[in-house]
Amino acid sequence: IDGVKQSVATGTTGTTWYENRKDVV
């Protein structure tokens, strides 16, 4: 994600991952 290898919960969406970034559409 954004160039960094990440471990995330199954079912994670872009909406939940970027919930604190209002500039991401």
PDBML (XML) file of the C-alpha atoms, coordinates in Angstrom:
<?xml version="1.0" encoding="UTF-8" ?>
<PDBx:datablock datablockName="MODEL"
   xmlns:PDBx="http://pdbml.pdb.org/schema/pdbx-v50.xsd"
   xmlns:xsi="http://www.w3.org/2001/XMLSchema-instance"
   xsi:schemaLocation="http://pdbml.pdb.org/schema/pdbx-v50.xsd pdbx-v50.xsd">
   <PDBx:atom_siteCategory>
      <PDBx:atom_site id="1">
         <PDBx:B_iso_or_equiv>0.00</PDBx:B_iso_or_equiv>
         <PDBx:Cartn_x>0.000</PDBx:Cartn_x>
         <PDBx:Cartn_y>0.000</PDBx:Cartn_y>
         <PDBx:Cartn_z>0.000</PDBx:Cartn_z>
         <PDBx:auth_asym_id>A</PDBx:auth_asym_id>
         <PDBx:auth_atom_id>CA</PDBx:auth_atom_id>
         <PDBx:auth_comp_id>ILE</PDBx:auth_comp_id>
         <PDBx:auth_seq_id>1</PDBx:auth_seq_id>
         <PDBx:group_PDB>ATOM</PDBx:group_PDB>
         <PDBx:label_alt_id xsi:nil="true" />
         <PDBx:label_asym_id>A</PDBx:label_asym_id>
         <PDBx:label_atom_id>CA</PDBx:label_atom_id>
         <PDBx:label_comp_id>ILE</PDBx:label_comp_id>
         <PDBx:label_entity_id>1</PDBx:label_entity_id>
         <PDBx:label_seq_id>1</PDBx:label_seq_id>
         <PDBx:occupancy>1.00</PDBx:occupancy>
         <PDBx:pdbx_PDB_model_num>1</PDBx:pdbx_PDB_model_num>
         <PDBx:type_symbol>C</PDBx:type_symbol>
      </PDBx:atom_site>
      <PDBx:atom_site id="2">
         <PDBx:B_iso_or_equiv>0.00</PDBx:B_iso_or_equiv>
         <PDBx:Cartn_x>1.539</PDBx:Cartn_x>
         <PDBx:Cartn_y>3.277</PDBx:Cartn_y>
         <PDBx:Cartn_z>-1.170</PDBx:Cartn_z>
         <PDBx:auth_asym_id>A</PDBx:auth_asym_id>
         <PDBx:auth_atom_id>CA</PDBx:auth_atom_id>
         <PDBx:auth_comp_id>ASP</PDBx:auth_comp_id>
         <PDBx:auth_seq_id>2</PDBx:auth_seq_id>
         <PDBx:group_PDB>ATOM</PDBx:group_PDB>
         <PDBx:label_alt_id xsi:nil="true" />
         <PDBx:label_asym_id>A</PDBx:label_asym_id>
         <PDBx:label_atom_id>CA</PDBx:label_atom_id>
         <PDBx:label_comp_id>ASP</PDBx:label_comp_id>
         <PDBx:label_entity_id>1</PDBx:label_entity_id>
         <PDBx:label_seq_id>2</PDBx:label_seq_id>
         <PDBx:occupancy>1.00</PDBx:occupancy>
         <PDBx:pdbx_PDB_model_num>1</PDBx:pdbx_PDB_model_num>
         <PDBx:type_symbol>C</PDBx:type_symbol>
      </PDBx:atom_site>
      <PDBx:atom_site id="3">
         <PDBx:B_iso_or_equiv>0.00</PDBx:B_iso_or_equiv>
         <PDBx:Cartn_x>4.865</PDBx:Cartn_x>
         <PDBx:Cartn_y>1.525</PDBx:Cartn_y>
         <PDBx:Cartn_z>-1.667</PDBx:Cartn_z>
         <PDBx:auth_asym_id>A</PDBx:auth_asym_id>
         <PDBx:auth_atom_id>CA</PDBx:auth_atom_id>
         <PDBx:auth_comp_id>GLY</PDBx:auth_comp_id>
         <PDBx:auth_seq_id>3</PDBx:auth_seq_id>
         <PDBx:group_PDB>ATOM</PDBx:group_PDB>
         <PDBx:label_alt_id xsi:nil="true" />
         <PDBx:label_asym_id>A</PDBx:label_asym_id>
         <PDBx:label_atom_id>CA</PDBx:label_atom_id>
         <PDBx:label_comp_id>GLY</PDBx:label_comp_id>
         <PDBx:label_entity_id>1</PDBx:label_entity_id>
         <PDBx:label_seq_id>3</PDBx:label_seq_id>
         <PDBx:occupancy>1.00</PDBx:occupancy>
         <PDBx:pdbx_PDB_model_num>1</PDBx:pdbx_PDB_model_num>
         <PDBx:type_symbol>C</PDBx:type_symbol>
      </PDBx:atom_site>
      <PDBx:atom_site id="4">
         <PDBx:B_iso_or_equiv>0.00</PDBx:B_iso_or_equiv>
         <PDBx:Cartn_x>4.968</PDBx:Cartn_x>
         <PDBx:Cartn_y>-0.144</PDBx:Cartn_y>
         <PDBx:Cartn_z>1.760</PDBx:Cartn_z>
         <PDBx:auth_asym_id>A</PDBx:auth_asym_id>
         <PDBx:auth_atom_id>CA</PDBx:auth_atom_id>
         <PDBx:auth_comp_id>VAL</PDBx:auth_comp_id>
         <PDBx:auth_seq_id>4</PDBx:auth_seq_id>
         <PDBx:group_PDB>ATOM</PDBx:group_PDB>
         <PDBx:label_alt_id xsi:nil="true" />
         <PDBx:label_asym_id>A</PDBx:label_asym_id>
         <PDBx:label_atom_id>CA</PDBx:label_atom_id>
         <PDBx:label_comp_id>VAL</PDBx:label_comp_id>
         <PDBx:label_entity_id>1</PDBx:label_entity_id>
         <PDBx:label_seq_id>4</PDBx:label_seq_id>
         <PDBx:occupancy>1.00</PDBx:occupancy>
         <PDBx:pdbx_PDB_model_num>1</PDBx:pdbx_PDB_model_num>
         <PDBx:type_symbol>C</PDBx:type_symbol>
      </PDBx:atom_site>
      <PDBx:atom_site id="5">
         <PDBx:B_iso_or_equiv>0.00</PDBx:B_iso_or_equiv>
         <PDBx:Cartn_x>4.290</PDBx:Cartn_x>
         <PDBx:Cartn_y>-3.839</PDBx:Cartn_y>
         <PDBx:Cartn_z>2.396</PDBx:Cartn_z>
         <PDBx:auth_asym_id>A</PDBx:auth_asym_id>
         <PDBx:auth_atom_id>CA</PDBx:auth_atom_id>
         <PDBx:auth_comp_id>LYS</PDBx:auth_comp_id>
         <PDBx:auth_seq_id>5</PDBx:auth_seq_id>
         <PDBx:group_PDB>ATOM</PDBx:group_PDB>
         <PDBx:label_alt_id xsi:nil="true" />
         <PDBx:label_asym_id>A</PDBx:label_asym_id>
         <PDBx:label_atom_id>CA</PDBx:label_atom_id>
         <PDBx:label_comp_id>LYS</PDBx:label_comp_id>
         <PDBx:label_entity_id>1</PDBx:label_entity_id>
         <PDBx:label_seq_id>5</PDBx:label_seq_id>
         <PDBx:occupancy>1.00</PDBx:occupancy>
         <PDBx:pdbx_PDB_model_num>1</PDBx:pdbx_PDB_model_num>
         <PDBx:type_symbol>C</PDBx:type_symbol>
      </PDBx:atom_site>
      <PDBx:atom_site id="6">
         <PDBx:B_iso_or_equiv>0.00</PDBx:B_iso_or_equiv>
         <PDBx:Cartn_x>1.364</PDBx:Cartn_x>
         <PDBx:Cartn_y>-4.116</PDBx:Cartn_y>
         <PDBx:Cartn_z>4.809</PDBx:Cartn_z>
         <PDBx:auth_asym_id>A</PDBx:auth_asym_id>
         <PDBx:auth_atom_id>CA</PDBx:auth_atom_id>
         <PDBx:auth_comp_id>GLN</PDBx:auth_comp_id>
         <PDBx:auth_seq_id>6</PDBx:auth_seq_id>
         <PDBx:group_PDB>ATOM</PDBx:group_PDB>
         <PDBx:label_alt_id xsi:nil="true" />
         <PDBx:label_asym_id>A</PDBx:label_asym_id>
         <PDBx:label_atom_id>CA</PDBx:label_atom_id>
         <PDBx:label_comp_id>GLN</PDBx:label_comp_id>
         <PDBx:label_entity_id>1</PDBx:label_entity_id>
         <PDBx:label_seq_id>6</PDBx:label_seq_id>
         <PDBx:occupancy>1.00</PDBx:occupancy>
         <PDBx:pdbx_PDB_model_num>1</PDBx:pdbx_PDB_model_num>
         <PDBx:type_symbol>C</PDBx:type_symbol>
      </PDBx:atom_site>
      <PDBx:atom_site id="7">
         <PDBx:B_iso_or_equiv>0.00</PDBx:B_iso_or_equiv>
         <PDBx:Cartn_x>-0.627</PDBx:Cartn_x>
         <PDBx:Cartn_y>-6.790</PDBx:Cartn_y>
         <PDBx:Cartn_z>6.626</PDBx:Cartn_z>
         <PDBx:auth_asym_id>A</PDBx:auth_asym_id>
         <PDBx:auth_atom_id>CA</PDBx:auth_atom_id>
         <PDBx:auth_comp_id>SER</PDBx:auth_comp_id>
         <PDBx:auth_seq_id>7</PDBx:auth_seq_id>
         <PDBx:group_PDB>ATOM</PDBx:group_PDB>
         <PDBx:label_alt_id xsi:nil="true" />
         <PDBx:label_asym_id>A</PDBx:label_asym_id>
         <PDBx:label_atom_id>CA</PDBx:label_atom_id>
         <PDBx:label_comp_id>SER</PDBx:label_comp_id>
         <PDBx:label_entity_id>1</PDBx:label_entity_id>
         <PDBx:label_seq_id>7</PDBx:label_seq_id>
         <PDBx:occupancy>1.00</PDBx:occupancy>
         <PDBx:pdbx_PDB_model_num>1</PDBx:pdbx_PDB_model_num>
         <PDBx:type_symbol>C</PDBx:type_symbol>
      </PDBx:atom_site>
      <PDBx:atom_site id="8">
         <PDBx:B_iso_or_equiv>0.00</PDBx:B_iso_or_equiv>
         <PDBx:Cartn_x>-4.304</PDBx:Cartn_x>
         <PDBx:Cartn_y>-5.875</PDBx:Cartn_y>
         <PDBx:Cartn_z>6.871</PDBx:Cartn_z>
         <PDBx:auth_asym_id>A</PDBx:auth_asym_id>
         <PDBx:auth_atom_id>CA</PDBx:auth_atom_id>
         <PDBx:auth_comp_id>VAL</PDBx:auth_comp_id>
         <PDBx:auth_seq_id>8</PDBx:auth_seq_id>
         <PDBx:group_PDB>ATOM</PDBx:group_PDB>
         <PDBx:label_alt_id xsi:nil="true" />
         <PDBx:label_asym_id>A</PDBx:label_asym_id>
         <PDBx:label_atom_id>CA</PDBx:label_atom_id>
         <PDBx:label_comp_id>VAL</PDBx:label_comp_id>
         <PDBx:label_entity_id>1</PDBx:label_entity_id>
         <PDBx:label_seq_id>8</PDBx:label_seq_id>
         <PDBx:occupancy>1.00</PDBx:occupancy>
         <PDBx:pdbx_PDB_model_num>1</PDBx:pdbx_PDB_model_num>
         <PDBx:type_symbol>C</PDBx:type_symbol>
      </PDBx:atom_site>
      <PDBx:atom_site id="9">
         <PDBx:B_iso_or_equiv>0.00</PDBx:B_iso_or_equiv>
         <PDBx:Cartn_x>-7.482</PDBx:Cartn_x>
         <PDBx:Cartn_y>-7.545</PDBx:Cartn_y>
         <PDBx:Cartn_z>8.025</PDBx:Cartn_z>
         <PDBx:auth_asym_id>A</PDBx:auth_asym_id>
         <PDBx:auth_atom_id>CA</PDBx:auth_atom_id>
         <PDBx:auth_comp_id>ALA</PDBx:auth_comp_id>
         <PDBx:auth_seq_id>9</PDBx:auth_seq_id>
         <PDBx:group_PDB>ATOM</PDBx:group_PDB>
         <PDBx:label_alt_id xsi:nil="true" />
         <PDBx:label_asym_id>A</PDBx:label_asym_id>
         <PDBx:label_atom_id>CA</PDBx:label_atom_id>
         <PDBx:label_comp_id>ALA</PDBx:label_comp_id>
         <PDBx:label_entity_id>1</PDBx:label_entity_id>
         <PDBx:label_seq_id>9</PDBx:label_seq_id>
         <PDBx:occupancy>1.00</PDBx:occupancy>
         <PDBx:pdbx_PDB_model_num>1</PDBx:pdbx_PDB_model_num>
         <PDBx:type_symbol>C</PDBx:type_symbol>
      </PDBx:atom_site>
      <PDBx:atom_site id="10">
         <PDBx:B_iso_or_equiv>0.00</PDBx:B_iso_or_equiv>
         <PDBx:Cartn_x>-9.415</PDBx:Cartn_x>
         <PDBx:Cartn_y>-9.466</PDBx:Cartn_y>
         <PDBx:Cartn_z>5.414</PDBx:Cartn_z>
         <PDBx:auth_asym_id>A</PDBx:auth_asym_id>
         <PDBx:auth_atom_id>CA</PDBx:auth_atom_id>
         <PDBx:auth_comp_id>THR</PDBx:auth_comp_id>
         <PDBx:auth_seq_id>10</PDBx:auth_seq_id>
         <PDBx:group_PDB>ATOM</PDBx:group_PDB>
         <PDBx:label_alt_id xsi:nil="true" />
         <PDBx:label_asym_id>A</PDBx:label_asym_id>
         <PDBx:label_atom_id>CA</PDBx:label_atom_id>
         <PDBx:label_comp_id>THR</PDBx:label_comp_id>
         <PDBx:label_entity_id>1</PDBx:label_entity_id>
         <PDBx:label_seq_id>10</PDBx:label_seq_id>
         <PDBx:occupancy>1.00</PDBx:occupancy>
         <PDBx:pdbx_PDB_model_num>1</PDBx:pdbx_PDB_model_num>
         <PDBx:type_symbol>C</PDBx:type_symbol>
      </PDBx:atom_site>
      <PDBx:atom_site id="11">
         <PDBx:B_iso_or_equiv>0.00</PDBx:B_iso_or_equiv>
         <PDBx:Cartn_x>-12.264</PDBx:Cartn_x>
         <PDBx:Cartn_y>-7.311</PDBx:Cartn_y>
         <PDBx:Cartn_z>4.115</PDBx:Cartn_z>
         <PDBx:auth_asym_id>A</PDBx:auth_asym_id>
         <PDBx:auth_atom_id>CA</PDBx:auth_atom_id>
         <PDBx:auth_comp_id>GLY</PDBx:auth_comp_id>
         <PDBx:auth_seq_id>11</PDBx:auth_seq_id>
         <PDBx:group_PDB>ATOM</PDBx:group_PDB>
         <PDBx:label_alt_id xsi:nil="true" />
         <PDBx:label_asym_id>A</PDBx:label_asym_id>
         <PDBx:label_atom_id>CA</PDBx:label_atom_id>
         <PDBx:label_comp_id>GLY</PDBx:label_comp_id>
         <PDBx:label_entity_id>1</PDBx:label_entity_id>
         <PDBx:label_seq_id>11</PDBx:label_seq_id>
         <PDBx:occupancy>1.00</PDBx:occupancy>
         <PDBx:pdbx_PDB_model_num>1</PDBx:pdbx_PDB_model_num>
         <PDBx:type_symbol>C</PDBx:type_symbol>
      </PDBx:atom_site>
      <PDBx:atom_site id="12">
         <PDBx:B_iso_or_equiv>0.00</PDBx:B_iso_or_equiv>
         <PDBx:Cartn_x>-10.391</PDBx:Cartn_x>
         <PDBx:Cartn_y>-4.010</PDBx:Cartn_y>
         <PDBx:Cartn_z>4.501</PDBx:Cartn_z>
         <PDBx:auth_asym_id>A</PDBx:auth_asym_id>
         <PDBx:auth_atom_id>CA</PDBx:auth_atom_id>
         <PDBx:auth_comp_id>THR</PDBx:auth_comp_id>
         <PDBx:auth_seq_id>12</PDBx:auth_seq_id>
         <PDBx:group_PDB>ATOM</PDBx:group_PDB>
         <PDBx:label_alt_id xsi:nil="true" />
         <PDBx:label_asym_id>A</PDBx:label_asym_id>
         <PDBx:label_atom_id>CA</PDBx:label_atom_id>
         <PDBx:label_comp_id>THR</PDBx:label_comp_id>
         <PDBx:label_entity_id>1</PDBx:label_entity_id>
         <PDBx:label_seq_id>12</PDBx:label_seq_id>
         <PDBx:occupancy>1.00</PDBx:occupancy>
         <PDBx:pdbx_PDB_model_num>1</PDBx:pdbx_PDB_model_num>
         <PDBx:type_symbol>C</PDBx:type_symbol>
      </PDBx:atom_site>
      <PDBx:atom_site id="13">
         <PDBx:B_iso_or_equiv>0.00</PDBx:B_iso_or_equiv>
         <PDBx:Cartn_x>-11.503</PDBx:Cartn_x>
         <PDBx:Cartn_y>-1.468</PDBx:Cartn_y>
         <PDBx:Cartn_z>1.922</PDBx:Cartn_z>
         <PDBx:auth_asym_id>A</PDBx:auth_asym_id>
         <PDBx:auth_atom_id>CA</PDBx:auth_atom_id>
         <PDBx:auth_comp_id>THR</PDBx:auth_comp_id>
         <PDBx:auth_seq_id>13</PDBx:auth_seq_id>
         <PDBx:group_PDB>ATOM</PDBx:group_PDB>
         <PDBx:label_alt_id xsi:nil="true" />
         <PDBx:label_asym_id>A</PDBx:label_asym_id>
         <PDBx:label_atom_id>CA</PDBx:label_atom_id>
         <PDBx:label_comp_id>THR</PDBx:label_comp_id>
         <PDBx:label_entity_id>1</PDBx:label_entity_id>
         <PDBx:label_seq_id>13</PDBx:label_seq_id>
         <PDBx:occupancy>1.00</PDBx:occupancy>
         <PDBx:pdbx_PDB_model_num>1</PDBx:pdbx_PDB_model_num>
         <PDBx:type_symbol>C</PDBx:type_symbol>
      </PDBx:atom_site>
      <PDBx:atom_site id="14">
         <PDBx:B_iso_or_equiv>0.00</PDBx:B_iso_or_equiv>
         <PDBx:Cartn_x>-9.976</PDBx:Cartn_x>
         <PDBx:Cartn_y>1.721</PDBx:Cartn_y>
         <PDBx:Cartn_z>0.637</PDBx:Cartn_z>
         <PDBx:auth_asym_id>A</PDBx:auth_asym_id>
         <PDBx:auth_atom_id>CA</PDBx:auth_atom_id>
         <PDBx:auth_comp_id>GLY</PDBx:auth_comp_id>
         <PDBx:auth_seq_id>14</PDBx:auth_seq_id>
         <PDBx:group_PDB>ATOM</PDBx:group_PDB>
         <PDBx:label_alt_id xsi:nil="true" />
         <PDBx:label_asym_id>A</PDBx:label_asym_id>
         <PDBx:label_atom_id>CA</PDBx:label_atom_id>
         <PDBx:label_comp_id>GLY</PDBx:label_comp_id>
         <PDBx:label_entity_id>1</PDBx:label_entity_id>
         <PDBx:label_seq_id>14</PDBx:label_seq_id>
         <PDBx:occupancy>1.00</PDBx:occupancy>
         <PDBx:pdbx_PDB_model_num>1</PDBx:pdbx_PDB_model_num>
         <PDBx:type_symbol>C</PDBx:type_symbol>
      </PDBx:atom_site>
      <PDBx:atom_site id="15">
         <PDBx:B_iso_or_equiv>0.00</PDBx:B_iso_or_equiv>
         <PDBx:Cartn_x>-12.651</PDBx:Cartn_x>
         <PDBx:Cartn_y>3.625</PDBx:Cartn_y>
         <PDBx:Cartn_z>2.526</PDBx:Cartn_z>
         <PDBx:auth_asym_id>A</PDBx:auth_asym_id>
         <PDBx:auth_atom_id>CA</PDBx:auth_atom_id>
         <PDBx:auth_comp_id>THR</PDBx:auth_comp_id>
         <PDBx:auth_seq_id>15</PDBx:auth_seq_id>
         <PDBx:group_PDB>ATOM</PDBx:group_PDB>
         <PDBx:label_alt_id xsi:nil="true" />
         <PDBx:label_asym_id>A</PDBx:label_asym_id>
         <PDBx:label_atom_id>CA</PDBx:label_atom_id>
         <PDBx:label_comp_id>THR</PDBx:label_comp_id>
         <PDBx:label_entity_id>1</PDBx:label_entity_id>
         <PDBx:label_seq_id>15</PDBx:label_seq_id>
         <PDBx:occupancy>1.00</PDBx:occupancy>
         <PDBx:pdbx_PDB_model_num>1</PDBx:pdbx_PDB_model_num>
         <PDBx:type_symbol>C</PDBx:type_symbol>
      </PDBx:atom_site>
      <PDBx:atom_site id="16">
         <PDBx:B_iso_or_equiv>0.00</PDBx:B_iso_or_equiv>
         <PDBx:Cartn_x>-11.616</PDBx:Cartn_x>
         <PDBx:Cartn_y>2.187</PDBx:Cartn_y>
         <PDBx:Cartn_z>5.893</PDBx:Cartn_z>
         <PDBx:auth_asym_id>A</PDBx:auth_asym_id>
         <PDBx:auth_atom_id>CA</PDBx:auth_atom_id>
         <PDBx:auth_comp_id>THR</PDBx:auth_comp_id>
         <PDBx:auth_seq_id>16</PDBx:auth_seq_id>
         <PDBx:group_PDB>ATOM</PDBx:group_PDB>
         <PDBx:label_alt_id xsi:nil="true" />
         <PDBx:label_asym_id>A</PDBx:label_asym_id>
         <PDBx:label_atom_id>CA</PDBx:label_atom_id>
         <PDBx:label_comp_id>THR</PDBx:label_comp_id>
         <PDBx:label_entity_id>1</PDBx:label_entity_id>
         <PDBx:label_seq_id>16</PDBx:label_seq_id>
         <PDBx:occupancy>1.00</PDBx:occupancy>
         <PDBx:pdbx_PDB_model_num>1</PDBx:pdbx_PDB_model_num>
         <PDBx:type_symbol>C</PDBx:type_symbol>
      </PDBx:atom_site>
      <PDBx:atom_site id="17">
         <PDBx:B_iso_or_equiv>0.00</PDBx:B_iso_or_equiv>
         <PDBx:Cartn_x>-7.869</PDBx:Cartn_x>
         <PDBx:Cartn_y>2.338</PDBx:Cartn_y>
         <PDBx:Cartn_z>5.233</PDBx:Cartn_z>
         <PDBx:auth_asym_id>A</PDBx:auth_asym_id>
         <PDBx:auth_atom_id>CA</PDBx:auth_atom_id>
         <PDBx:auth_comp_id>TRP</PDBx:auth_comp_id>
         <PDBx:auth_seq_id>17</PDBx:auth_seq_id>
         <PDBx:group_PDB>ATOM</PDBx:group_PDB>
         <PDBx:label_alt_id xsi:nil="true" />
         <PDBx:label_asym_id>A</PDBx:label_asym_id>
         <PDBx:label_atom_id>CA</PDBx:label_atom_id>
         <PDBx:label_comp_id>TRP</PDBx:label_comp_id>
         <PDBx:label_entity_id>1</PDBx:label_entity_id>
         <PDBx:label_seq_id>17</PDBx:label_seq_id>
         <PDBx:occupancy>1.00</PDBx:occupancy>
         <PDBx:pdbx_PDB_model_num>1</PDBx:pdbx_PDB_model_num>
         <PDBx:type_symbol>C</PDBx:type_symbol>
      </PDBx:atom_site>
      <PDBx:atom_site id="18">
         <PDBx:B_iso_or_equiv>0.00</PDBx:B_iso_or_equiv>
         <PDBx:Cartn_x>-7.928</PDBx:Cartn_x>
         <PDBx:Cartn_y>5.985</PDBx:Cartn_y>
         <PDBx:Cartn_z>4.146</PDBx:Cartn_z>
         <PDBx:auth_asym_id>A</PDBx:auth_asym_id>
         <PDBx:auth_atom_id>CA</PDBx:auth_atom_id>
         <PDBx:auth_comp_id>TYR</PDBx:auth_comp_id>
         <PDBx:auth_seq_id>18</PDBx:auth_seq_id>
         <PDBx:group_PDB>ATOM</PDBx:group_PDB>
         <PDBx:label_alt_id xsi:nil="true" />
         <PDBx:label_asym_id>A</PDBx:label_asym_id>
         <PDBx:label_atom_id>CA</PDBx:label_atom_id>
         <PDBx:label_comp_id>TYR</PDBx:label_comp_id>
         <PDBx:label_entity_id>1</PDBx:label_entity_id>
         <PDBx:label_seq_id>18</PDBx:label_seq_id>
         <PDBx:occupancy>1.00</PDBx:occupancy>
         <PDBx:pdbx_PDB_model_num>1</PDBx:pdbx_PDB_model_num>
         <PDBx:type_symbol>C</PDBx:type_symbol>
      </PDBx:atom_site>
      <PDBx:atom_site id="19">
         <PDBx:B_iso_or_equiv>0.00</PDBx:B_iso_or_equiv>
         <PDBx:Cartn_x>-10.692</PDBx:Cartn_x>
         <PDBx:Cartn_y>7.149</PDBx:Cartn_y>
         <PDBx:Cartn_z>6.532</PDBx:Cartn_z>
         <PDBx:auth_asym_id>A</PDBx:auth_asym_id>
         <PDBx:auth_atom_id>CA</PDBx:auth_atom_id>
         <PDBx:auth_comp_id>GLU</PDBx:auth_comp_id>
         <PDBx:auth_seq_id>19</PDBx:auth_seq_id>
         <PDBx:group_PDB>ATOM</PDBx:group_PDB>
         <PDBx:label_alt_id xsi:nil="true" />
         <PDBx:label_asym_id>A</PDBx:label_asym_id>
         <PDBx:label_atom_id>CA</PDBx:label_atom_id>
         <PDBx:label_comp_id>GLU</PDBx:label_comp_id>
         <PDBx:label_entity_id>1</PDBx:label_entity_id>
         <PDBx:label_seq_id>19</PDBx:label_seq_id>
         <PDBx:occupancy>1.00</PDBx:occupancy>
         <PDBx:pdbx_PDB_model_num>1</PDBx:pdbx_PDB_model_num>
         <PDBx:type_symbol>C</PDBx:type_symbol>
      </PDBx:atom_site>
      <PDBx:atom_site id="20">
         <PDBx:B_iso_or_equiv>0.00</PDBx:B_iso_or_equiv>
         <PDBx:Cartn_x>-8.433</PDBx:Cartn_x>
         <PDBx:Cartn_y>9.878</PDBx:Cartn_y>
         <PDBx:Cartn_z>7.922</PDBx:Cartn_z>
         <PDBx:auth_asym_id>A</PDBx:auth_asym_id>
         <PDBx:auth_atom_id>CA</PDBx:auth_atom_id>
         <PDBx:auth_comp_id>ASN</PDBx:auth_comp_id>
         <PDBx:auth_seq_id>20</PDBx:auth_seq_id>
         <PDBx:group_PDB>ATOM</PDBx:group_PDB>
         <PDBx:label_alt_id xsi:nil="true" />
         <PDBx:label_asym_id>A</PDBx:label_asym_id>
         <PDBx:label_atom_id>CA</PDBx:label_atom_id>
         <PDBx:label_comp_id>ASN</PDBx:label_comp_id>
         <PDBx:label_entity_id>1</PDBx:label_entity_id>
         <PDBx:label_seq_id>20</PDBx:label_seq_id>
         <PDBx:occupancy>1.00</PDBx:occupancy>
         <PDBx:pdbx_PDB_model_num>1</PDBx:pdbx_PDB_model_num>
         <PDBx:type_symbol>C</PDBx:type_symbol>
      </PDBx:atom_site>
      <PDBx:atom_site id="21">
         <PDBx:B_iso_or_equiv>0.00</PDBx:B_iso_or_equiv>
         <PDBx:Cartn_x>-7.410</PDBx:Cartn_x>
         <PDBx:Cartn_y>11.182</PDBx:Cartn_y>
         <PDBx:Cartn_z>4.511</PDBx:Cartn_z>
         <PDBx:auth_asym_id>A</PDBx:auth_asym_id>
         <PDBx:auth_atom_id>CA</PDBx:auth_atom_id>
         <PDBx:auth_comp_id>ARG</PDBx:auth_comp_id>
         <PDBx:auth_seq_id>21</PDBx:auth_seq_id>
         <PDBx:group_PDB>ATOM</PDBx:group_PDB>
         <PDBx:label_alt_id xsi:nil="true" />
         <PDBx:label_asym_id>A</PDBx:label_asym_id>
         <PDBx:label_atom_id>CA</PDBx:label_atom_id>
         <PDBx:label_comp_id>ARG</PDBx:label_comp_id>
         <PDBx:label_entity_id>1</PDBx:label_entity_id>
         <PDBx:label_seq_id>21</PDBx:label_seq_id>
         <PDBx:occupancy>1.00</PDBx:occupancy>
         <PDBx:pdbx_PDB_model_num>1</PDBx:pdbx_PDB_model_num>
         <PDBx:type_symbol>C</PDBx:type_symbol>
      </PDBx:atom_site>
      <PDBx:atom_site id="22">
         <PDBx:B_iso_or_equiv>0.00</PDBx:B_iso_or_equiv>
         <PDBx:Cartn_x>-10.149</PDBx:Cartn_x>
         <PDBx:Cartn_y>13.354</PDBx:Cartn_y>
         <PDBx:Cartn_z>3.050</PDBx:Cartn_z>
         <PDBx:auth_asym_id>A</PDBx:auth_asym_id>
         <PDBx:auth_atom_id>CA</PDBx:auth_atom_id>
         <PDBx:auth_comp_id>LYS</PDBx:auth_comp_id>
         <PDBx:auth_seq_id>22</PDBx:auth_seq_id>
         <PDBx:group_PDB>ATOM</PDBx:group_PDB>
         <PDBx:label_alt_id xsi:nil="true" />
         <PDBx:label_asym_id>A</PDBx:label_asym_id>
         <PDBx:label_atom_id>CA</PDBx:label_atom_id>
         <PDBx:label_comp_id>LYS</PDBx:label_comp_id>
         <PDBx:label_entity_id>1</PDBx:label_entity_id>
         <PDBx:label_seq_id>22</PDBx:label_seq_id>
         <PDBx:occupancy>1.00</PDBx:occupancy>
         <PDBx:pdbx_PDB_model_num>1</PDBx:pdbx_PDB_model_num>
         <PDBx:type_symbol>C</PDBx:type_symbol>
      </PDBx:atom_site>
      <PDBx:atom_site id="23">
         <PDBx:B_iso_or_equiv>0.00</PDBx:B_iso_or_equiv>
         <PDBx:Cartn_x>-8.093</PDBx:Cartn_x>
         <PDBx:Cartn_y>14.017</PDBx:Cartn_y>
         <PDBx:Cartn_z>-0.101</PDBx:Cartn_z>
         <PDBx:auth_asym_id>A</PDBx:auth_asym_id>
         <PDBx:auth_atom_id>CA</PDBx:auth_atom_id>
         <PDBx:auth_comp_id>ASP</PDBx:auth_comp_id>
         <PDBx:auth_seq_id>23</PDBx:auth_seq_id>
         <PDBx:group_PDB>ATOM</PDBx:group_PDB>
         <PDBx:label_alt_id xsi:nil="true" />
         <PDBx:label_asym_id>A</PDBx:label_asym_id>
         <PDBx:label_atom_id>CA</PDBx:label_atom_id>
         <PDBx:label_comp_id>ASP</PDBx:label_comp_id>
         <PDBx:label_entity_id>1</PDBx:label_entity_id>
         <PDBx:label_seq_id>23</PDBx:label_seq_id>
         <PDBx:occupancy>1.00</PDBx:occupancy>
         <PDBx:pdbx_PDB_model_num>1</PDBx:pdbx_PDB_model_num>
         <PDBx:type_symbol>C</PDBx:type_symbol>
      </PDBx:atom_site>
      <PDBx:atom_site id="24">
         <PDBx:B_iso_or_equiv>0.00</PDBx:B_iso_or_equiv>
         <PDBx:Cartn_x>-8.214</PDBx:Cartn_x>
         <PDBx:Cartn_y>10.358</PDBx:Cartn_y>
         <PDBx:Cartn_z>-1.230</PDBx:Cartn_z>
         <PDBx:auth_asym_id>A</PDBx:auth_asym_id>
         <PDBx:auth_atom_id>CA</PDBx:auth_atom_id>
         <PDBx:auth_comp_id>VAL</PDBx:auth_comp_id>
         <PDBx:auth_seq_id>24</PDBx:auth_seq_id>
         <PDBx:group_PDB>ATOM</PDBx:group_PDB>
         <PDBx:label_alt_id xsi:nil="true" />
         <PDBx:label_asym_id>A</PDBx:label_asym_id>
         <PDBx:label_atom_id>CA</PDBx:label_atom_id>
         <PDBx:label_comp_id>VAL</PDBx:label_comp_id>
         <PDBx:label_entity_id>1</PDBx:label_entity_id>
         <PDBx:label_seq_id>24</PDBx:label_seq_id>
         <PDBx:occupancy>1.00</PDBx:occupancy>
         <PDBx:pdbx_PDB_model_num>1</PDBx:pdbx_PDB_model_num>
         <PDBx:type_symbol>C</PDBx:type_symbol>
      </PDBx:atom_site>
      <PDBx:atom_site id="25">
         <PDBx:B_iso_or_equiv>0.00</PDBx:B_iso_or_equiv>
         <PDBx:Cartn_x>-11.158</PDBx:Cartn_x>
         <PDBx:Cartn_y>9.702</PDBx:Cartn_y>
         <PDBx:Cartn_z>-3.566</PDBx:Cartn_z>
         <PDBx:auth_asym_id>A</PDBx:auth_asym_id>
         <PDBx:auth_atom_id>CA</PDBx:auth_atom_id>
         <PDBx:auth_comp_id>VAL</PDBx:auth_comp_id>
         <PDBx:auth_seq_id>25</PDBx:auth_seq_id>
         <PDBx:group_PDB>ATOM</PDBx:group_PDB>
         <PDBx:label_alt_id xsi:nil="true" />
         <PDBx:label_asym_id>A</PDBx:label_asym_id>
         <PDBx:label_atom_id>CA</PDBx:label_atom_id>
         <PDBx:label_comp_id>VAL</PDBx:label_comp_id>
         <PDBx:label_entity_id>1</PDBx:label_entity_id>
         <PDBx:label_seq_id>25</PDBx:label_seq_id>
         <PDBx:occupancy>1.00</PDBx:occupancy>
         <PDBx:pdbx_PDB_model_num>1</PDBx:pdbx_PDB_model_num>
         <PDBx:type_symbol>C</PDBx:type_symbol>
      </PDBx:atom_site>
   </PDBx:atom_siteCategory>
</PDBx:datablock>
